[in-house]
Amino acid sequence: MFGFAPETLVQRAARFRKGQGLFAGGFVEEPTVVQMGARLCREGGGDVPVPLG
């Protein structure tokens, strides 16, 4: 279940290409389809906290 995004965007996600994603929840104002760019740094590091409220 994906409660933060409209059903039409969730259905569209099944057809995303490499690098595309759906951002939804407490860290964006409204559900958004995004396209990731090329990596800027070496892989590594850790996770970052995301507020959900």
PDB file of N, CA and C in Angstrom:
ATOM      1  N   MET A   1       0.856  -1.181   0.000  1.00  0.00           N
ATOM      2  CA  MET A   1       0.000   0.000   0.000  1.00  0.00           C
ATOM      3  C   MET A   1       0.894   1.233   0.000  1.00  0.00           C
ATOM      4  N   PHE A   2       0.488   2.227  -0.741  1.00  0.00           N
ATOM      5  CA  PHE A   2       1.266   3.454  -0.873  1.00  0.00           C
ATOM      6  C   PHE A   2       0.313   4.609  -0.593  1.00  0.00           C
ATOM      7  N   GLY A   3       0.122   4.961   0.658  1.00  0.00           N
ATOM      8  CA  GLY A   3      -0.901   5.908   1.055  1.00  0.00           C
ATOM      9  C   GLY A   3      -0.635   7.368   0.755  1.00  0.00           C
ATOM     10  N   PHE A   4       0.601   7.726   0.385  1.00  0.00           N
ATOM     11  CA  PHE A   4       0.930   9.124   0.172  1.00  0.00           C
ATOM     12  C   PHE A   4       0.810   9.568  -1.284  1.00  0.00           C
ATOM     13  N   ALA A   5       0.609   8.641  -2.213  1.00  0.00           N
ATOM     14  CA  ALA A   5       0.581   8.987  -3.638  1.00  0.00           C
ATOM     15  C   ALA A   5      -0.736   8.546  -4.261  1.00  0.00           C
ATOM     16  N   PRO A   6      -1.235   9.325  -5.240  1.00  0.00           N
ATOM     17  CA  PRO A   6      -2.465   8.919  -5.912  1.00  0.00           C
ATOM     18  C   PRO A   6      -2.258   7.622  -6.699  1.00  0.00           C
ATOM     19  N   GLU A   7      -3.293   6.846  -6.823  1.00  0.00           N
ATOM     20  CA  GLU A   7      -3.237   5.553  -7.501  1.00  0.00           C
ATOM     21  C   GLU A   7      -2.657   5.652  -8.915  1.00  0.00           C
ATOM     22  N   THR A   8      -2.953   6.739  -9.634  1.00  0.00           N
ATOM     23  CA  THR A   8      -2.443   6.884 -11.001  1.00  0.00           C
ATOM     24  C   THR A   8      -0.914   6.937 -11.032  1.00  0.00           C
ATOM     25  N   LEU A   9      -0.290   7.613 -10.064  1.00  0.00           N
ATOM     26  CA  LEU A   9       1.170   7.659 -10.004  1.00  0.00           C
ATOM     27  C   LEU A   9       1.754   6.318  -9.595  1.00  0.00           C
ATOM     28  N   VAL A  10       1.103   5.632  -8.684  1.00  0.00           N
ATOM     29  CA  VAL A  10       1.576   4.319  -8.259  1.00  0.00           C
ATOM     30  C   VAL A  10       1.536   3.346  -9.439  1.00  0.00           C
ATOM     31  N   GLN A  11       0.475   3.369 -10.226  1.00  0.00           N
ATOM     32  CA  GLN A  11       0.375   2.503 -11.409  1.00  0.00           C
ATOM     33  C   GLN A  11       1.441   2.867 -12.439  1.00  0.00           C
ATOM     34  N   ARG A  12       1.703   4.145 -12.611  1.00  0.00           N
ATOM     35  CA  ARG A  12       2.723   4.607 -13.558  1.00  0.00           C
ATOM     36  C   ARG A  12       4.115   4.103 -13.160  1.00  0.00           C
ATOM     37  N   ALA A  13       4.363   3.938 -11.871  1.00  0.00           N
ATOM     38  CA  ALA A  13       5.673   3.514 -11.383  1.00  0.00           C
ATOM     39  C   ALA A  13       6.081   2.151 -11.944  1.00  0.00           C
ATOM     40  N   ALA A  14       5.135   1.305 -12.281  1.00  0.00           N
ATOM     41  CA  ALA A  14       5.456  -0.010 -12.836  1.00  0.00           C
ATOM     42  C   ALA A  14       6.153   0.106 -14.198  1.00  0.00           C
ATOM     43  N   ARG A  15       6.042   1.259 -14.856  1.00  0.00           N
ATOM     44  CA  ARG A  15       6.646   1.466 -16.172  1.00  0.00           C
ATOM     45  C   ARG A  15       7.858   2.408 -16.128  1.00  0.00           C
ATOM     46  N   PHE A  16       8.338   2.725 -14.939  1.00  0.00           N
ATOM     47  CA  PHE A  16       9.509   3.592 -14.830  1.00  0.00           C
ATOM     48  C   PHE A  16      10.716   2.952 -15.492  1.00  0.00           C
ATOM     49  N   ARG A  17      11.575   3.799 -16.042  1.00  0.00           N
ATOM     50  CA  ARG A  17      12.841   3.352 -16.609  1.00  0.00           C
ATOM     51  C   ARG A  17      13.936   3.504 -15.560  1.00  0.00           C
ATOM     52  N   LYS A  18      15.099   3.011 -15.871  1.00  0.00           N
ATOM     53  CA  LYS A  18      16.224   3.093 -14.951  1.00  0.00           C
ATOM     54  C   LYS A  18      16.473   4.545 -14.553  1.00  0.00           C
ATOM     55  N   GLY A  19      16.595   4.786 -13.253  1.00  0.00           N
ATOM     56  CA  GLY A  19      16.865   6.126 -12.748  1.00  0.00           C
ATOM     57  C   GLY A  19      15.631   6.932 -12.393  1.00  0.00           C
ATOM     58  N   GLN A  20      14.439   6.435 -12.698  1.00  0.00           N
ATOM     59  CA  GLN A  20      13.217   7.154 -12.355  1.00  0.00           C
ATOM     60  C   GLN A  20      12.684   6.647 -11.026  1.00  0.00           C
ATOM     61  N   GLY A  21      12.011   7.524 -10.305  1.00  0.00           N
ATOM     62  CA  GLY A  21      11.451   7.141  -9.024  1.00  0.00           C
ATOM     63  C   GLY A  21      10.251   7.994  -8.666  1.00  0.00           C
ATOM     64  N   LEU A  22       9.548   7.575  -7.634  1.00  0.00           N
ATOM     65  CA  LEU A  22       8.386   8.296  -7.129  1.00  0.00           C
ATOM     66  C   LEU A  22       8.694   8.711  -5.705  1.00  0.00           C
ATOM     67  N   PHE A  23       8.760  10.016  -5.463  1.00  0.00           N
ATOM     68  CA  PHE A  23       8.963  10.551  -4.117  1.00  0.00           C
ATOM     69  C   PHE A  23       7.601  10.935  -3.556  1.00  0.00           C
ATOM     70  N   ALA A  24       7.293  10.453  -2.365  1.00  0.00           N
ATOM     71  CA  ALA A  24       6.030  10.798  -1.705  1.00  0.00           C
ATOM     72  C   ALA A  24       6.211  10.633  -0.207  1.00  0.00           C
ATOM     73  N   GLY A  25       5.516  11.453   0.553  1.00  0.00           N
ATOM     74  CA  GLY A  25       5.588  11.339   2.006  1.00  0.00           C
ATOM     75  C   GLY A  25       5.978  12.649   2.657  1.00  0.00           C
ATOM     76  N   GLY A  26       6.515  12.556   3.859  1.00  0.00           N
ATOM     77  CA  GLY A  26       6.795  13.723   4.674  1.00  0.00           C
ATOM     78  C   GLY A  26       7.937  14.602   4.207  1.00  0.00           C
ATOM     79  N   PHE A  27       8.729  14.158   3.222  1.00  0.00           N
ATOM     80  CA  PHE A  27       9.880  14.954   2.803  1.00  0.00           C
ATOM     81  C   PHE A  27       9.670  15.690   1.482  1.00  0.00           C
ATOM     82  N   VAL A  28       8.488  15.596   0.881  1.00  0.00           N
ATOM     83  CA  VAL A  28       8.138  16.372  -0.315  1.00  0.00           C
ATOM     84  C   VAL A  28       6.744  16.954  -0.119  1.00  0.00           C
ATOM     85  N   GLU A  29       6.487  18.113  -0.720  1.00  0.00           N
ATOM     86  CA  GLU A  29       5.182  18.770  -0.545  1.00  0.00           C
ATOM     87  C   GLU A  29       4.052  18.008  -1.220  1.00  0.00           C
ATOM     88  N   GLU A  30       4.340  17.403  -2.377  1.00  0.00           N
ATOM     89  CA  GLU A  30       3.342  16.596  -3.073  1.00  0.00           C
ATOM     90  C   GLU A  30       4.055  15.462  -3.805  1.00  0.00           C
ATOM     91  N   PRO A  31       3.367  14.337  -4.065  1.00  0.00           N
ATOM     92  CA  PRO A  31       4.008  13.230  -4.767  1.00  0.00           C
ATOM     93  C   PRO A  31       4.623  13.704  -6.085  1.00  0.00           C
ATOM     94  N   THR A  32       5.852  13.262  -6.354  1.00  0.00           N
ATOM     95  CA  THR A  32       6.620  13.763  -7.481  1.00  0.00           C
ATOM     96  C   THR A  32       7.357  12.630  -8.175  1.00  0.00           C
ATOM     97  N   VAL A  33       7.296  12.606  -9.503  1.00  0.00           N
ATOM     98  CA  VAL A  33       8.098  11.677 -10.290  1.00  0.00           C
ATOM     99  C   VAL A  33       9.438  12.352 -10.563  1.00  0.00           C
ATOM    100  N   VAL A  34      10.528  11.636 -10.303  1.00  0.00           N
ATOM    101  CA  VAL A  34      11.871  12.213 -10.447  1.00  0.00           C
ATOM    102  C   VAL A  34      12.722  11.374 -11.392  1.00  0.00           C
ATOM    103  N   GLN A  35      13.735  12.019 -11.963  1.00  0.00           N
ATOM    104  CA  GLN A  35      14.734  11.342 -12.789  1.00  0.00           C
ATOM    105  C   GLN A  35      16.091  11.595 -12.142  1.00  0.00           C
ATOM    106  N   MET A  36      16.755  10.536 -11.723  1.00  0.00           N
ATOM    107  CA  MET A  36      18.066  10.664 -11.088  1.00  0.00           C
ATOM    108  C   MET A  36      19.127  10.938 -12.153  1.00  0.00           C
ATOM    109  N   GLY A  37      20.119  11.723 -11.788  1.00  0.00           N
ATOM    110  CA  GLY A  37      21.243  11.991 -12.668  1.00  0.00           C
ATOM    111  C   GLY A  37      22.384  11.034 -12.389  1.00  0.00           C
ATOM    112  N   ALA A  38      23.489  11.266 -13.033  1.00  0.00           N
ATOM    113  CA  ALA A  38      24.670  10.436 -12.830  1.00  0.00           C
ATOM    114  C   ALA A  38      25.224  10.642 -11.419  1.00  0.00           C
ATOM    115  N   ARG A  39      25.829   9.629 -10.879  1.00  0.00           N
ATOM    116  CA  ARG A  39      26.419   9.693  -9.539  1.00  0.00           C
ATOM    117  C   ARG A  39      27.539  10.734  -9.510  1.00  0.00           C
ATOM    118  N   LEU A  40      27.606  11.530  -8.444  1.00  0.00           N
ATOM    119  CA  LEU A  40      28.609  12.576  -8.315  1.00  0.00           C
ATOM    120  C   LEU A  40      29.807  12.168  -7.469  1.00  0.00           C
ATOM    121  N   CYS A  41      29.681  11.104  -6.688  1.00  0.00           N
ATOM    122  CA  CYS A  41      30.770  10.703  -5.798  1.00  0.00           C
ATOM    123  C   CYS A  41      30.847   9.177  -5.709  1.00  0.00           C
ATOM    124  N   ARG A  42      31.926   8.688  -5.096  1.00  0.00           N
ATOM    125  CA  ARG A  42      32.066   7.249  -4.890  1.00  0.00           C
ATOM    126  C   ARG A  42      30.987   6.740  -3.961  1.00  0.00           C
ATOM    127  N   GLU A  43      30.595   5.488  -4.130  1.00  0.00           N
ATOM    128  CA  GLU A  43      29.609   4.872  -3.244  1.00  0.00           C
ATOM    129  C   GLU A  43      30.208   4.706  -1.855  1.00  0.00           C
ATOM    130  N   GLY A  44      29.395   4.920  -0.852  1.00  0.00           N
ATOM    131  CA  GLY A  44      29.852   4.773   0.529  1.00  0.00           C
ATOM    132  C   GLY A  44      29.028   5.650   1.442  1.00  0.00           C
ATOM    133  N   GLY A  45      29.418   5.780   2.655  1.00  0.00           N
ATOM    134  CA  GLY A  45      28.688   6.638   3.596  1.00  0.00           C
ATOM    135  C   GLY A  45      27.562   5.888   4.268  1.00  0.00           C
ATOM    136  N   GLY A  46      26.621   6.645   4.793  1.00  0.00           N
ATOM    137  CA  GLY A  46      25.516   6.055   5.524  1.00  0.00           C
ATOM    138  C   GLY A  46      24.194   6.652   5.123  1.00  0.00           C
ATOM    139  N   ASP A  47      23.200   6.348   5.891  1.00  0.00           N
ATOM    140  CA  ASP A  47      21.848   6.826   5.640  1.00  0.00           C
ATOM    141  C   ASP A  47      21.662   8.193   6.278  1.00  0.00           C
ATOM    142  N   VAL A  48      20.686   8.932   5.802  1.00  0.00           N
ATOM    143  CA  VAL A  48      20.354  10.232   6.386  1.00  0.00           C
ATOM    144  C   VAL A  48      18.952  10.157   6.983  1.00  0.00           C
ATOM    145  N   PRO A  49      18.699  10.867   8.071  1.00  0.00           N
ATOM    146  CA  PRO A  49      17.362  10.851   8.659  1.00  0.00           C
ATOM    147  C   PRO A  49      16.365  11.621   7.796  1.00  0.00           C
ATOM    148  N   VAL A  50      15.137  11.117   7.698  1.00  0.00           N
ATOM    149  CA  VAL A  50      14.080  11.784   6.939  1.00  0.00           C
ATOM    150  C   VAL A  50      12.896  11.986   7.879  1.00  0.00           C
ATOM    151  N   PRO A  51      12.504  13.258   8.122  1.00  0.00           N
ATOM    152  CA  PRO A  51      11.347  13.504   8.997  1.00  0.00           C
ATOM    153  C   PRO A  51      10.054  13.061   8.314  1.00  0.00           C
ATOM    154  N   LEU A  52       9.210  12.387   9.026  1.00  0.00           N
ATOM    155  CA  LEU A  52       7.940  11.904   8.471  1.00  0.00           C
ATOM    156  C   LEU A  52       6.745  12.596   9.118  1.00  0.00           C
ATOM    157  N   GLY A  53       6.810  13.876   9.238  1.00  0.00           N
ATOM    158  CA  GLY A  53       5.687  14.506   9.897  1.00  0.00           C
ATOM    159  C   GLY A  53       5.418  15.842   9.501  1.00  0.00           C
TER     160      GLY A  53
END
